[in-house]
C-alpha cells in the first residue's frame, strides 16, 4: 500500500500513480492531499488510486482508510464520494440535473 500526495517535489502525484499502477497493477494507492477539485479527484481515481482523502481527515478515519485500502477496498473522503456520485449520476455531464440529486430508486 502506498500513501502519497498529489503535490510532490520531483514528480506529480498523478504521474506517480500511473507509473506505479503500470509497473504493478496490484499496488493499492491512497491519496492524501489538500486538493478536492473534480479534475484531480477523477484523474487520480481513473489512474488507479483506491482511496482519496483530504488532509483535514481525522486521524481515526485516516487509519481506517489505510487499513481498508491495504485490503483492496475503496475509501473516499465524504466530499470526494459526493463528487464521484454526482459524476456517475450525471453520466459524466457535470451540471446535469441528475448531478444534483441521486435517482429516486436510491433515495
PDB file of N, CA and C in Angstrom:
ATOM      1  N   UNK A   1       0.852  -1.170   0.000  1.00  0.00           N
ATOM      2  CA  UNK A   1       0.000   0.000   0.000  1.00  0.00           C
ATOM      3  C   UNK A   1       0.893   1.226   0.000  1.00  0.00           C
ATOM      4  N   UNK A   2       0.523   2.194  -0.834  1.00  0.00           N
ATOM      5  CA  UNK A   2       1.284   3.429  -0.932  1.00  0.00           C
ATOM      6  C   UNK A   2       0.373   4.594  -0.569  1.00  0.00           C
ATOM      7  N   UNK A   3       0.867   5.448   0.327  1.00  0.00           N
ATOM      8  CA  UNK A   3       0.186   6.672   0.704  1.00  0.00           C
ATOM      9  C   UNK A   3       0.950   7.814   0.053  1.00  0.00           C
ATOM     10  N   UNK A   4       0.277   8.602  -0.804  1.00  0.00           N
ATOM     11  CA  UNK A   4       1.000   9.679  -1.465  1.00  0.00           C
ATOM     12  C   UNK A   4       0.174  10.937  -1.615  1.00  0.00           C
ATOM     13  N   UNK A   5       0.882  12.041  -1.777  1.00  0.00           N
ATOM     14  CA  UNK A   5       0.268  13.339  -2.017  1.00  0.00           C
ATOM     15  C   UNK A   5       0.285  13.588  -3.515  1.00  0.00           C
ATOM     16  N   UNK A   6      -0.591  14.454  -3.995  1.00  0.00           N
ATOM     17  CA  UNK A   6      -0.575  14.784  -5.413  1.00  0.00           C
ATOM     18  C   UNK A   6       0.505  15.813  -5.736  1.00  0.00           C
ATOM     19  N   UNK A   7       0.918  16.584  -4.738  1.00  0.00           N
ATOM     20  CA  UNK A   7       1.966  17.583  -4.932  1.00  0.00           C
ATOM     21  C   UNK A   7       3.253  17.062  -4.313  1.00  0.00           C
ATOM     22  N   UNK A   8       4.189  16.670  -5.165  1.00  0.00           N
ATOM     23  CA  UNK A   8       5.472  16.170  -4.709  1.00  0.00           C
ATOM     24  C   UNK A   8       6.570  16.921  -5.461  1.00  0.00           C
ATOM     25  N   UNK A   9       7.758  17.016  -4.877  1.00  0.00           N
ATOM     26  CA  UNK A   9       8.800  17.843  -5.475  1.00  0.00           C
ATOM     27  C   UNK A   9       9.355  17.351  -6.821  1.00  0.00           C
ATOM     28  N   UNK A  10       9.524  16.080  -7.010  1.00  0.00           N
ATOM     29  CA  UNK A  10      10.169  15.576  -8.225  1.00  0.00           C
ATOM     30  C   UNK A  10       9.202  15.057  -9.274  1.00  0.00           C
ATOM     31  N   UNK A  11       8.043  14.640  -8.835  1.00  0.00           N
ATOM     32  CA  UNK A  11       7.077  14.053  -9.758  1.00  0.00           C
ATOM     33  C   UNK A  11       5.667  14.366  -9.277  1.00  0.00           C
ATOM     34  N   UNK A  12       4.791  14.721 -10.198  1.00  0.00           N
ATOM     35  CA  UNK A  12       3.391  14.954  -9.893  1.00  0.00           C
ATOM     36  C   UNK A  12       2.771  13.649  -9.394  1.00  0.00           C
ATOM     37  N   UNK A  13       1.875  13.743  -8.415  1.00  0.00           N
ATOM     38  CA  UNK A  13       1.247  12.559  -7.856  1.00  0.00           C
ATOM     39  C   UNK A  13       0.461  11.744  -8.867  1.00  0.00           C
ATOM     40  N   UNK A  14      -0.200  12.416  -9.809  1.00  0.00           N
ATOM     41  CA  UNK A  14      -0.955  11.691 -10.841  1.00  0.00           C
ATOM     42  C   UNK A  14      -0.011  10.887 -11.725  1.00  0.00           C
ATOM     43  N   UNK A  15       1.111  11.488 -12.068  1.00  0.00           N
ATOM     44  CA  UNK A  15       2.116  10.775 -12.858  1.00  0.00           C
ATOM     45  C   UNK A  15       2.660   9.578 -12.080  1.00  0.00           C
ATOM     46  N   UNK A  16       2.868   9.774 -10.777  1.00  0.00           N
ATOM     47  CA  UNK A  16       3.356   8.679  -9.934  1.00  0.00           C
ATOM     48  C   UNK A  16       2.362   7.530  -9.886  1.00  0.00           C
ATOM     49  N   UNK A  17       1.074   7.846  -9.749  1.00  0.00           N
ATOM     50  CA  UNK A  17       0.048   6.798  -9.710  1.00  0.00           C
ATOM     51  C   UNK A  17       0.080   5.989 -11.008  1.00  0.00           C
ATOM     52  N   UNK A  18       0.147   6.677 -12.136  1.00  0.00           N
ATOM     53  CA  UNK A  18       0.188   5.991 -13.434  1.00  0.00           C
ATOM     54  C   UNK A  18       1.409   5.094 -13.554  1.00  0.00           C
ATOM     55  N   UNK A  19       2.567   5.574 -13.118  1.00  0.00           N
ATOM     56  CA  UNK A  19       3.788   4.766 -13.192  1.00  0.00           C
ATOM     57  C   UNK A  19       3.704   3.555 -12.267  1.00  0.00           C
ATOM     58  N   UNK A  20       3.214   3.786 -11.066  1.00  0.00           N
ATOM     59  CA  UNK A  20       3.115   2.689 -10.092  1.00  0.00           C
ATOM     60  C   UNK A  20       2.156   1.615 -10.592  1.00  0.00           C
ATOM     61  N   UNK A  21       0.971   2.023 -11.048  1.00  0.00           N
ATOM     62  CA  UNK A  21      -0.021   1.035 -11.474  1.00  0.00           C
ATOM     63  C   UNK A  21       0.361   0.356 -12.786  1.00  0.00           C
ATOM     64  N   UNK A  22       1.154   1.015 -13.619  1.00  0.00           N
ATOM     65  CA  UNK A  22       1.605   0.353 -14.842  1.00  0.00           C
ATOM     66  C   UNK A  22       2.699  -0.664 -14.535  1.00  0.00           C
ATOM     67  N   UNK A  23       3.487  -0.397 -13.496  1.00  0.00           N
ATOM     68  CA  UNK A  23       4.536  -1.329 -13.080  1.00  0.00           C
ATOM     69  C   UNK A  23       3.955  -2.497 -12.297  1.00  0.00           C
ATOM     70  N   UNK A  24       3.043  -2.187 -11.384  1.00  0.00           N
ATOM     71  CA  UNK A  24       2.421  -3.221 -10.552  1.00  0.00           C
ATOM     72  C   UNK A  24       0.947  -2.875 -10.334  1.00  0.00           C
ATOM     73  N   UNK A  25       0.067  -3.381 -11.192  1.00  0.00           N
ATOM     74  CA  UNK A  25      -1.365  -3.049 -11.096  1.00  0.00           C
ATOM     75  C   UNK A  25      -2.017  -3.476  -9.777  1.00  0.00           C
ATOM     76  N   UNK A  26      -1.379  -4.345  -9.025  1.00  0.00           N
ATOM     77  CA  UNK A  26      -1.948  -4.820  -7.765  1.00  0.00           C
ATOM     78  C   UNK A  26      -1.625  -3.900  -6.588  1.00  0.00           C
ATOM     79  N   UNK A  27      -0.829  -2.862  -6.820  1.00  0.00           N
ATOM     80  CA  UNK A  27      -0.477  -1.928  -5.755  1.00  0.00           C
ATOM     81  C   UNK A  27      -1.695  -1.105  -5.363  1.00  0.00           C
ATOM     82  N   UNK A  28      -1.933  -1.006  -4.080  1.00  0.00           N
ATOM     83  CA  UNK A  28      -3.058  -0.234  -3.562  1.00  0.00           C
ATOM     84  C   UNK A  28      -2.557   1.158  -3.186  1.00  0.00           C
ATOM     85  N   UNK A  29      -3.206   2.186  -3.749  1.00  0.00           N
ATOM     86  CA  UNK A  29      -2.749   3.563  -3.552  1.00  0.00           C
ATOM     87  C   UNK A  29      -3.832   4.379  -2.867  1.00  0.00           C
ATOM     88  N   UNK A  30      -3.414   5.086  -1.822  1.00  0.00           N
ATOM     89  CA  UNK A  30      -4.277   6.008  -1.088  1.00  0.00           C
ATOM     90  C   UNK A  30      -3.696   7.406  -1.246  1.00  0.00           C
ATOM     91  N   UNK A  31      -4.484   8.312  -1.789  1.00  0.00           N
ATOM     92  CA  UNK A  31      -4.069   9.694  -1.964  1.00  0.00           C
ATOM     93  C   UNK A  31      -4.482  10.481  -0.720  1.00  0.00           C
ATOM     94  N   UNK A  32      -3.541  11.248  -0.177  1.00  0.00           N
ATOM     95  CA  UNK A  32      -3.806  12.148   0.940  1.00  0.00           C
ATOM     96  C   UNK A  32      -3.325  13.522   0.491  1.00  0.00           C
ATOM     97  N   UNK A  33      -4.259  14.425   0.246  1.00  0.00           N
ATOM     98  CA  UNK A  33      -3.904  15.706  -0.356  1.00  0.00           C
ATOM     99  C   UNK A  33      -4.845  16.811   0.108  1.00  0.00           C
ATOM    100  N   UNK A  34      -4.527  18.020  -0.276  1.00  0.00           N
ATOM    101  CA  UNK A  34      -5.396  19.152   0.060  1.00  0.00           C
ATOM    102  C   UNK A  34      -6.288  19.536  -1.110  1.00  0.00           C
ATOM    103  N   UNK A  35      -6.182  18.827  -2.229  1.00  0.00           N
ATOM    104  CA  UNK A  35      -6.934  19.153  -3.432  1.00  0.00           C
ATOM    105  C   UNK A  35      -8.208  18.321  -3.542  1.00  0.00           C
ATOM    106  N   UNK A  36      -9.343  19.010  -3.636  1.00  0.00           N
ATOM    107  CA  UNK A  36     -10.623  18.312  -3.780  1.00  0.00           C
ATOM    108  C   UNK A  36     -11.321  18.684  -5.078  1.00  0.00           C
ATOM    109  N   UNK A  37     -10.598  19.347  -5.997  1.00  0.00           N
ATOM    110  CA  UNK A  37     -11.253  19.736  -7.246  1.00  0.00           C
ATOM    111  C   UNK A  37     -11.551  18.504  -8.092  1.00  0.00           C
ATOM    112  N   UNK A  38     -12.660  18.575  -8.830  1.00  0.00           N
ATOM    113  CA  UNK A  38     -13.150  17.440  -9.597  1.00  0.00           C
ATOM    114  C   UNK A  38     -12.081  16.823 -10.492  1.00  0.00           C
ATOM    115  N   UNK A  39     -11.363  17.662 -11.213  1.00  0.00           N
ATOM    116  CA  UNK A  39     -10.401  17.147 -12.186  1.00  0.00           C
ATOM    117  C   UNK A  39      -9.345  16.257 -11.534  1.00  0.00           C
ATOM    118  N   UNK A  40      -8.774  16.707 -10.435  1.00  0.00           N
ATOM    119  CA  UNK A  40      -7.727  15.908  -9.770  1.00  0.00           C
ATOM    120  C   UNK A  40      -8.296  14.640  -9.153  1.00  0.00           C
ATOM    121  N   UNK A  41      -9.474  14.764  -8.546  1.00  0.00           N
ATOM    122  CA  UNK A  41     -10.112  13.589  -7.943  1.00  0.00           C
ATOM    123  C   UNK A  41     -10.335  12.516  -8.996  1.00  0.00           C
ATOM    124  N   UNK A  42     -10.986  12.882 -10.100  1.00  0.00           N
ATOM    125  CA  UNK A  42     -11.316  11.897 -11.123  1.00  0.00           C
ATOM    126  C   UNK A  42     -10.060  11.342 -11.796  1.00  0.00           C
ATOM    127  N   UNK A  43      -9.061  12.187 -12.025  1.00  0.00           N
ATOM    128  CA  UNK A  43      -7.822  11.707 -12.632  1.00  0.00           C
ATOM    129  C   UNK A  43      -7.125  10.698 -11.730  1.00  0.00           C
ATOM    130  N   UNK A  44      -7.083  10.986 -10.435  1.00  0.00           N
ATOM    131  CA  UNK A  44      -6.419  10.067  -9.502  1.00  0.00           C
ATOM    132  C   UNK A  44      -7.134   8.722  -9.441  1.00  0.00           C
ATOM    133  N   UNK A  45      -8.449   8.754  -9.401  1.00  0.00           N
ATOM    134  CA  UNK A  45      -9.219   7.511  -9.347  1.00  0.00           C
ATOM    135  C   UNK A  45      -9.085   6.740 -10.658  1.00  0.00           C
ATOM    136  N   UNK A  46      -9.193   7.440 -11.781  1.00  0.00           N
ATOM    137  CA  UNK A  46      -9.037   6.777 -13.078  1.00  0.00           C
ATOM    138  C   UNK A  46      -7.632   6.218 -13.259  1.00  0.00           C
ATOM    139  N   UNK A  47      -6.636   6.875 -12.657  1.00  0.00           N
ATOM    140  CA  UNK A  47      -5.257   6.405 -12.763  1.00  0.00           C
ATOM    141  C   UNK A  47      -5.017   5.155 -11.930  1.00  0.00           C
ATOM    142  N   UNK A  48      -5.893   4.908 -10.939  1.00  0.00           N
ATOM    143  CA  UNK A  48      -5.750   3.682 -10.165  1.00  0.00           C
ATOM    144  C   UNK A  48      -5.745   3.828  -8.655  1.00  0.00           C
ATOM    145  N   UNK A  49      -5.940   5.036  -8.136  1.00  0.00           N
ATOM    146  CA  UNK A  49      -5.991   5.205  -6.684  1.00  0.00           C
ATOM    147  C   UNK A  49      -7.261   4.550  -6.134  1.00  0.00           C
ATOM    148  N   UNK A  50      -7.121   3.799  -5.066  1.00  0.00           N
ATOM    149  CA  UNK A  50      -8.278   3.171  -4.415  1.00  0.00           C
ATOM    150  C   UNK A  50      -8.892   4.070  -3.361  1.00  0.00           C
ATOM    151  N   UNK A  51      -8.104   5.019  -2.867  1.00  0.00           N
ATOM    152  CA  UNK A  51      -8.598   5.912  -1.836  1.00  0.00           C
ATOM    153  C   UNK A  51      -8.185   7.332  -2.109  1.00  0.00           C
ATOM    154  N   UNK A  52      -8.990   8.264  -1.605  1.00  0.00           N
ATOM    155  CA  UNK A  52      -8.704   9.689  -1.797  1.00  0.00           C
ATOM    156  C   UNK A  52      -9.201  10.418  -0.566  1.00  0.00           C
ATOM    157  N   UNK A  53      -8.255  10.952   0.192  1.00  0.00           N
ATOM    158  CA  UNK A  53      -8.597  11.687   1.412  1.00  0.00           C
ATOM    159  C   UNK A  53      -8.026  13.089   1.359  1.00  0.00           C
ATOM    160  N   UNK A  54      -8.675  13.988   2.076  1.00  0.00           N
ATOM    161  CA  UNK A  54      -8.170  15.343   2.219  1.00  0.00           C
ATOM    162  C   UNK A  54      -7.357  15.421   3.504  1.00  0.00           C
ATOM    163  N   UNK A  55      -6.422  16.353   3.529  1.00  0.00           N
ATOM    164  CA  UNK A  55      -5.510  16.440   4.669  1.00  0.00           C
ATOM    165  C   UNK A  55      -6.186  16.837   5.970  1.00  0.00           C
ATOM    166  N   UNK A  56      -7.430  17.288   5.912  1.00  0.00           N
ATOM    167  CA  UNK A  56      -8.151  17.611   7.143  1.00  0.00           C
ATOM    168  C   UNK A  56      -8.876  16.392   7.717  1.00  0.00           C
ATOM    169  N   UNK A  57      -8.641  15.228   7.125  1.00  0.00           N
ATOM    170  CA  UNK A  57      -9.274  13.990   7.579  1.00  0.00           C
ATOM    171  C   UNK A  57      -8.824  13.665   9.002  1.00  0.00           C
ATOM    172  N   UNK A  58      -9.759  13.359   9.893  1.00  0.00           N
ATOM    173  CA  UNK A  58      -9.385  12.980  11.264  1.00  0.00           C
ATOM    174  C   UNK A  58      -8.500  11.721  11.276  1.00  0.00           C
ATOM    175  N   UNK A  59      -7.630  11.659  12.255  1.00  0.00           N
ATOM    176  CA  UNK A  59      -6.657  10.559  12.379  1.00  0.00           C
ATOM    177  C   UNK A  59      -7.332   9.182  12.356  1.00  0.00           C
ATOM    178  N   UNK A  60      -8.436   9.045  13.064  1.00  0.00           N
ATOM    179  CA  UNK A  60      -9.141   7.764  13.122  1.00  0.00           C
ATOM    180  C   UNK A  60      -9.593   7.344  11.720  1.00  0.00           C
ATOM    181  N   UNK A  61     -10.112   8.293  10.946  1.00  0.00           N
ATOM    182  CA  UNK A  61     -10.573   7.989   9.591  1.00  0.00           C
ATOM    183  C   UNK A  61      -9.393   7.676   8.676  1.00  0.00           C
ATOM    184  N   UNK A  62      -8.268   8.366   8.856  1.00  0.00           N
ATOM    185  CA  UNK A  62      -7.067   8.082   8.068  1.00  0.00           C
ATOM    186  C   UNK A  62      -6.583   6.660   8.329  1.00  0.00           C
ATOM    187  N   UNK A  63      -6.539   6.270   9.579  1.00  0.00           N
ATOM    188  CA  UNK A  63      -6.108   4.908   9.917  1.00  0.00           C
ATOM    189  C   UNK A  63      -7.064   3.862   9.336  1.00  0.00           C
ATOM    190  N   UNK A  64      -8.357   4.140   9.394  1.00  0.00           N
ATOM    191  CA  UNK A  64      -9.348   3.234   8.807  1.00  0.00           C
ATOM    192  C   UNK A  64      -9.125   3.123   7.294  1.00  0.00           C
ATOM    193  N   UNK A  65      -8.884   4.255   6.641  1.00  0.00           N
ATOM    194  CA  UNK A  65      -8.641   4.259   5.198  1.00  0.00           C
ATOM    195  C   UNK A  65      -7.398   3.454   4.849  1.00  0.00           C
ATOM    196  N   UNK A  66      -6.344   3.609   5.618  1.00  0.00           N
ATOM    197  CA  UNK A  66      -5.110   2.847   5.373  1.00  0.00           C
ATOM    198  C   UNK A  66      -5.391   1.350   5.459  1.00  0.00           C
ATOM    199  N   UNK A  67      -6.119   0.944   6.489  1.00  0.00           N
ATOM    200  CA  UNK A  67      -6.461  -0.483   6.638  1.00  0.00           C
ATOM    201  C   UNK A  67      -7.288  -0.978   5.455  1.00  0.00           C
ATOM    202  N   UNK A  68      -8.317  -0.226   5.088  1.00  0.00           N
ATOM    203  CA  UNK A  68      -9.216  -0.671   4.023  1.00  0.00           C
ATOM    204  C   UNK A  68      -8.533  -0.686   2.663  1.00  0.00           C
ATOM    205  N   UNK A  69      -7.791   0.351   2.333  1.00  0.00           N
ATOM    206  CA  UNK A  69      -7.093   0.380   1.050  1.00  0.00           C
ATOM    207  C   UNK A  69      -6.029  -0.714   1.007  1.00  0.00           C
ATOM    208  N   UNK A  70      -5.360  -0.962   2.119  1.00  0.00           N
ATOM    209  CA  UNK A  70      -4.382  -2.067   2.183  1.00  0.00           C
ATOM    210  C   UNK A  70      -5.016  -3.403   1.847  1.00  0.00           C
ATOM    211  N   UNK A  71      -6.299  -3.549   2.193  1.00  0.00           N
ATOM    212  CA  UNK A  71      -7.036  -4.779   1.918  1.00  0.00           C
ATOM    213  C   UNK A  71      -7.743  -4.762   0.566  1.00  0.00           C
ATOM    214  N   UNK A  72      -7.452  -3.746  -0.240  1.00  0.00           N
ATOM    215  CA  UNK A  72      -8.031  -3.685  -1.582  1.00  0.00           C
ATOM    216  C   UNK A  72      -9.410  -3.074  -1.666  1.00  0.00           C
ATOM    217  N   UNK A  73      -9.852  -2.415  -0.603  1.00  0.00           N
ATOM    218  CA  UNK A  73     -11.163  -1.779  -0.601  1.00  0.00           C
ATOM    219  C   UNK A  73     -11.013  -0.286  -0.891  1.00  0.00           C
ATOM    220  N   UNK A  74     -12.026   0.305  -1.475  1.00  0.00           N
ATOM    221  CA  UNK A  74     -12.013   1.733  -1.763  1.00  0.00           C
ATOM    222  C   UNK A  74     -12.362   2.525  -0.505  1.00  0.00           C
ATOM    223  N   UNK A  75     -11.802   3.728  -0.423  1.00  0.00           N
ATOM    224  CA  UNK A  75     -12.118   4.606   0.699  1.00  0.00           C
ATOM    225  C   UNK A  75     -12.002   6.040   0.214  1.00  0.00           C
ATOM    226  N   UNK A  76     -13.111   6.787   0.303  1.00  0.00           N
ATOM    227  CA  UNK A  76     -13.138   8.169  -0.170  1.00  0.00           C
ATOM    228  C   UNK A  76     -13.593   9.106   0.932  1.00  0.00           C
ATOM    229  N   UNK A  77     -12.968  10.270   0.977  1.00  0.00           N
ATOM    230  CA  UNK A  77     -13.415  11.343   1.859  1.00  0.00           C
ATOM    231  C   UNK A  77     -14.876  11.625   1.484  1.00  0.00           C
ATOM    232  N   UNK A  78     -15.754  11.915   2.435  1.00  0.00           N
ATOM    233  CA  UNK A  78     -17.169  12.140   2.107  1.00  0.00           C
ATOM    234  C   UNK A  78     -17.399  13.190   1.014  1.00  0.00           C
ATOM    235  N   UNK A  79     -16.643  14.275   1.018  1.00  0.00           N
ATOM    236  CA  UNK A  79     -16.808  15.305  -0.020  1.00  0.00           C
ATOM    237  C   UNK A  79     -16.406  14.764  -1.390  1.00  0.00           C
ATOM    238  N   UNK A  80     -15.399  13.910  -1.405  1.00  0.00           N
ATOM    239  CA  UNK A  80     -14.933  13.302  -2.653  1.00  0.00           C
ATOM    240  C   UNK A  80     -15.950  12.269  -3.132  1.00  0.00           C
ATOM    241  N   UNK A  81     -16.487  11.488  -2.203  1.00  0.00           N
ATOM    242  CA  UNK A  81     -17.500  10.490  -2.565  1.00  0.00           C
ATOM    243  C   UNK A  81     -18.714  11.165  -3.202  1.00  0.00           C
ATOM    244  N   UNK A  82     -19.109  12.309  -2.680  1.00  0.00           N
ATOM    245  CA  UNK A  82     -20.239  13.044  -3.246  1.00  0.00           C
ATOM    246  C   UNK A  82     -19.936  13.497  -4.668  1.00  0.00           C
ATOM    247  N   UNK A  83     -18.720  13.973  -4.926  1.00  0.00           N
ATOM    248  CA  UNK A  83     -18.318  14.382  -6.277  1.00  0.00           C
ATOM    249  C   UNK A  83     -18.393  13.199  -7.238  1.00  0.00           C
ATOM    250  N   UNK A  84     -17.907  12.054  -6.797  1.00  0.00           N
ATOM    251  CA  UNK A  84     -17.921  10.856  -7.633  1.00  0.00           C
ATOM    252  C   UNK A  84     -19.356  10.434  -7.924  1.00  0.00           C
ATOM    253  N   UNK A  85     -20.211  10.455  -6.909  1.00  0.00           N
ATOM    254  CA  UNK A  85     -21.608  10.074  -7.107  1.00  0.00           C
ATOM    255  C   UNK A  85     -22.297  11.032  -8.071  1.00  0.00           C
ATOM    256  N   UNK A  86     -22.046  12.319  -7.940  1.00  0.00           N
ATOM    257  CA  UNK A  86     -22.654  13.293  -8.848  1.00  0.00           C
ATOM    258  C   UNK A  86     -22.195  13.064 -10.276  1.00  0.00           C
ATOM    259  N   UNK A  87     -20.942  12.737 -10.440  1.00  0.00           N
ATOM    260  CA  UNK A  87     -20.416  12.463 -11.778  1.00  0.00           C
ATOM    261  C   UNK A  87     -21.092  11.228 -12.377  1.00  0.00           C
ATOM    262  N   UNK A  88     -21.280  10.206 -11.577  1.00  0.00           N
ATOM    263  CA  UNK A  88     -21.937   8.978 -12.051  1.00  0.00           C
ATOM    264  C   UNK A  88     -23.398   9.268 -12.392  1.00  0.00           C
ATOM    265  N   UNK A  89     -24.091   9.977 -11.506  1.00  0.00           N
ATOM    266  CA  UNK A  89     -25.499  10.279 -11.740  1.00  0.00           C
ATOM    267  C   UNK A  89     -25.700  11.118 -12.991  1.00  0.00           C
ATOM    268  N   UNK A  90     -24.741  11.988 -13.280  1.00  0.00           N
ATOM    269  CA  UNK A  90     -24.869  12.866 -14.448  1.00  0.00           C
ATOM    270  C   UNK A  90     -24.420  12.180 -15.725  1.00  0.00           C
ATOM    271  N   UNK A  91     -23.898  10.979 -15.605  1.00  0.00           N
ATOM    272  CA  UNK A  91     -23.390  10.274 -16.780  1.00  0.00           C
ATOM    273  C   UNK A  91     -22.166  10.948 -17.362  1.00  0.00           C
ATOM    274  N   UNK A  92     -21.422  11.655 -16.493  1.00  0.00           N
ATOM    275  CA  UNK A  92     -20.221  12.340 -16.940  1.00  0.00           C
ATOM    276  C   UNK A  92     -20.486  13.740 -17.460  1.00  0.00           C
ATOM    277  N   UNK A  93     -21.738  14.192 -17.364  1.00  0.00           N
ATOM    278  CA  UNK A  93     -22.079  15.536 -17.830  1.00  0.00           C
ATOM    279  C   UNK A  93     -22.280  16.438 -16.620  1.00  0.00           C
ATOM    280  N   UNK A  94     -21.204  16.993 -16.096  1.00  0.00           N
ATOM    281  CA  UNK A  94     -21.306  17.868 -14.922  1.00  0.00           C
ATOM    282  C   UNK A  94     -22.293  18.985 -15.192  1.00  0.00           C
ATOM    283  N   UNK A  95     -23.069  19.312 -14.184  1.00  0.00           N
ATOM    284  CA  UNK A  95     -24.073  20.350 -14.338  1.00  0.00           C
ATOM    285  C   UNK A  95     -25.450  19.806 -14.692  1.00  0.00           C
ATOM    286  N   UNK A  96     -25.535  18.508 -14.984  1.00  0.00           N
ATOM    287  CA  UNK A  96     -26.809  17.876 -15.291  1.00  0.00           C
ATOM    288  C   UNK A  96     -27.709  17.913 -14.056  1.00  0.00           C
ATOM    289  N   UNK A  97     -29.044  18.003 -14.222  1.00  0.00           N
ATOM    290  CA  UNK A  97     -29.933  17.970 -13.060  1.00  0.00           C
ATOM    291  C   UNK A  97     -29.708  16.733 -12.193  1.00  0.00           C
ATOM    292  N   UNK A  98     -29.344  15.620 -12.804  1.00  0.00           N
ATOM    293  CA  UNK A  98     -29.081  14.411 -12.022  1.00  0.00           C
ATOM    294  C   UNK A  98     -27.812  14.542 -11.192  1.00  0.00           C
ATOM    295  N   UNK A  99     -26.931  15.469 -11.570  1.00  0.00           N
ATOM    296  CA  UNK A  99     -25.703  15.664 -10.816  1.00  0.00           C
ATOM    297  C   UNK A  99     -25.995  16.249  -9.438  1.00  0.00           C
ATOM    298  N   UNK A 100     -27.164  16.834  -9.262  1.00  0.00           N
ATOM    299  CA  UNK A 100     -27.501  17.480  -8.004  1.00  0.00           C
ATOM    300  C   UNK A 100     -28.250  16.570  -7.035  1.00  0.00           C
ATOM    301  N   UNK A 101     -28.827  15.506  -7.529  1.00  0.00           N
ATOM    302  CA  UNK A 101     -29.553  14.595  -6.648  1.00  0.00           C
ATOM    303  C   UNK A 101     -29.500  13.179  -7.220  1.00  0.00           C
ATOM    304  N   UNK A 102     -29.519  12.177  -6.341  1.00  0.00           N
ATOM    305  CA  UNK A 102     -29.483  10.805  -6.838  1.00  0.00           C
ATOM    306  C   UNK A 102     -30.804  10.407  -7.458  1.00  0.00           C
ATOM    307  N   UNK A 103     -30.798   9.356  -8.300  1.00  0.00           N
ATOM    308  CA  UNK A 103     -32.058   8.854  -8.861  1.00  0.00           C
ATOM    309  C   UNK A 103     -33.019   8.435  -7.766  1.00  0.00           C
ATOM    310  N   UNK A 104     -34.315   8.495  -8.012  1.00  0.00           N
ATOM    311  CA  UNK A 104     -35.320   8.172  -6.991  1.00  0.00           C
ATOM    312  C   UNK A 104     -35.151   6.772  -6.443  1.00  0.00           C
ATOM    313  N   UNK A 105     -34.667   5.841  -7.256  1.00  0.00           N
ATOM    314  CA  UNK A 105     -34.533   4.465  -6.789  1.00  0.00           C
ATOM    315  C   UNK A 105     -33.488   4.327  -5.681  1.00  0.00           C
ATOM    316  N   UNK A 106     -32.595   5.311  -5.531  1.00  0.00           N
ATOM    317  CA  UNK A 106     -31.572   5.246  -4.489  1.00  0.00           C
ATOM    318  C   UNK A 106     -32.051   5.908  -3.205  1.00  0.00           C
ATOM    319  N   UNK A 107     -33.028   6.787  -3.287  1.00  0.00           N
ATOM    320  CA  UNK A 107     -33.497   7.508  -2.102  1.00  0.00           C
ATOM    321  C   UNK A 107     -34.191   6.621  -1.113  1.00  0.00           C
TER     322      UNK A 107
END
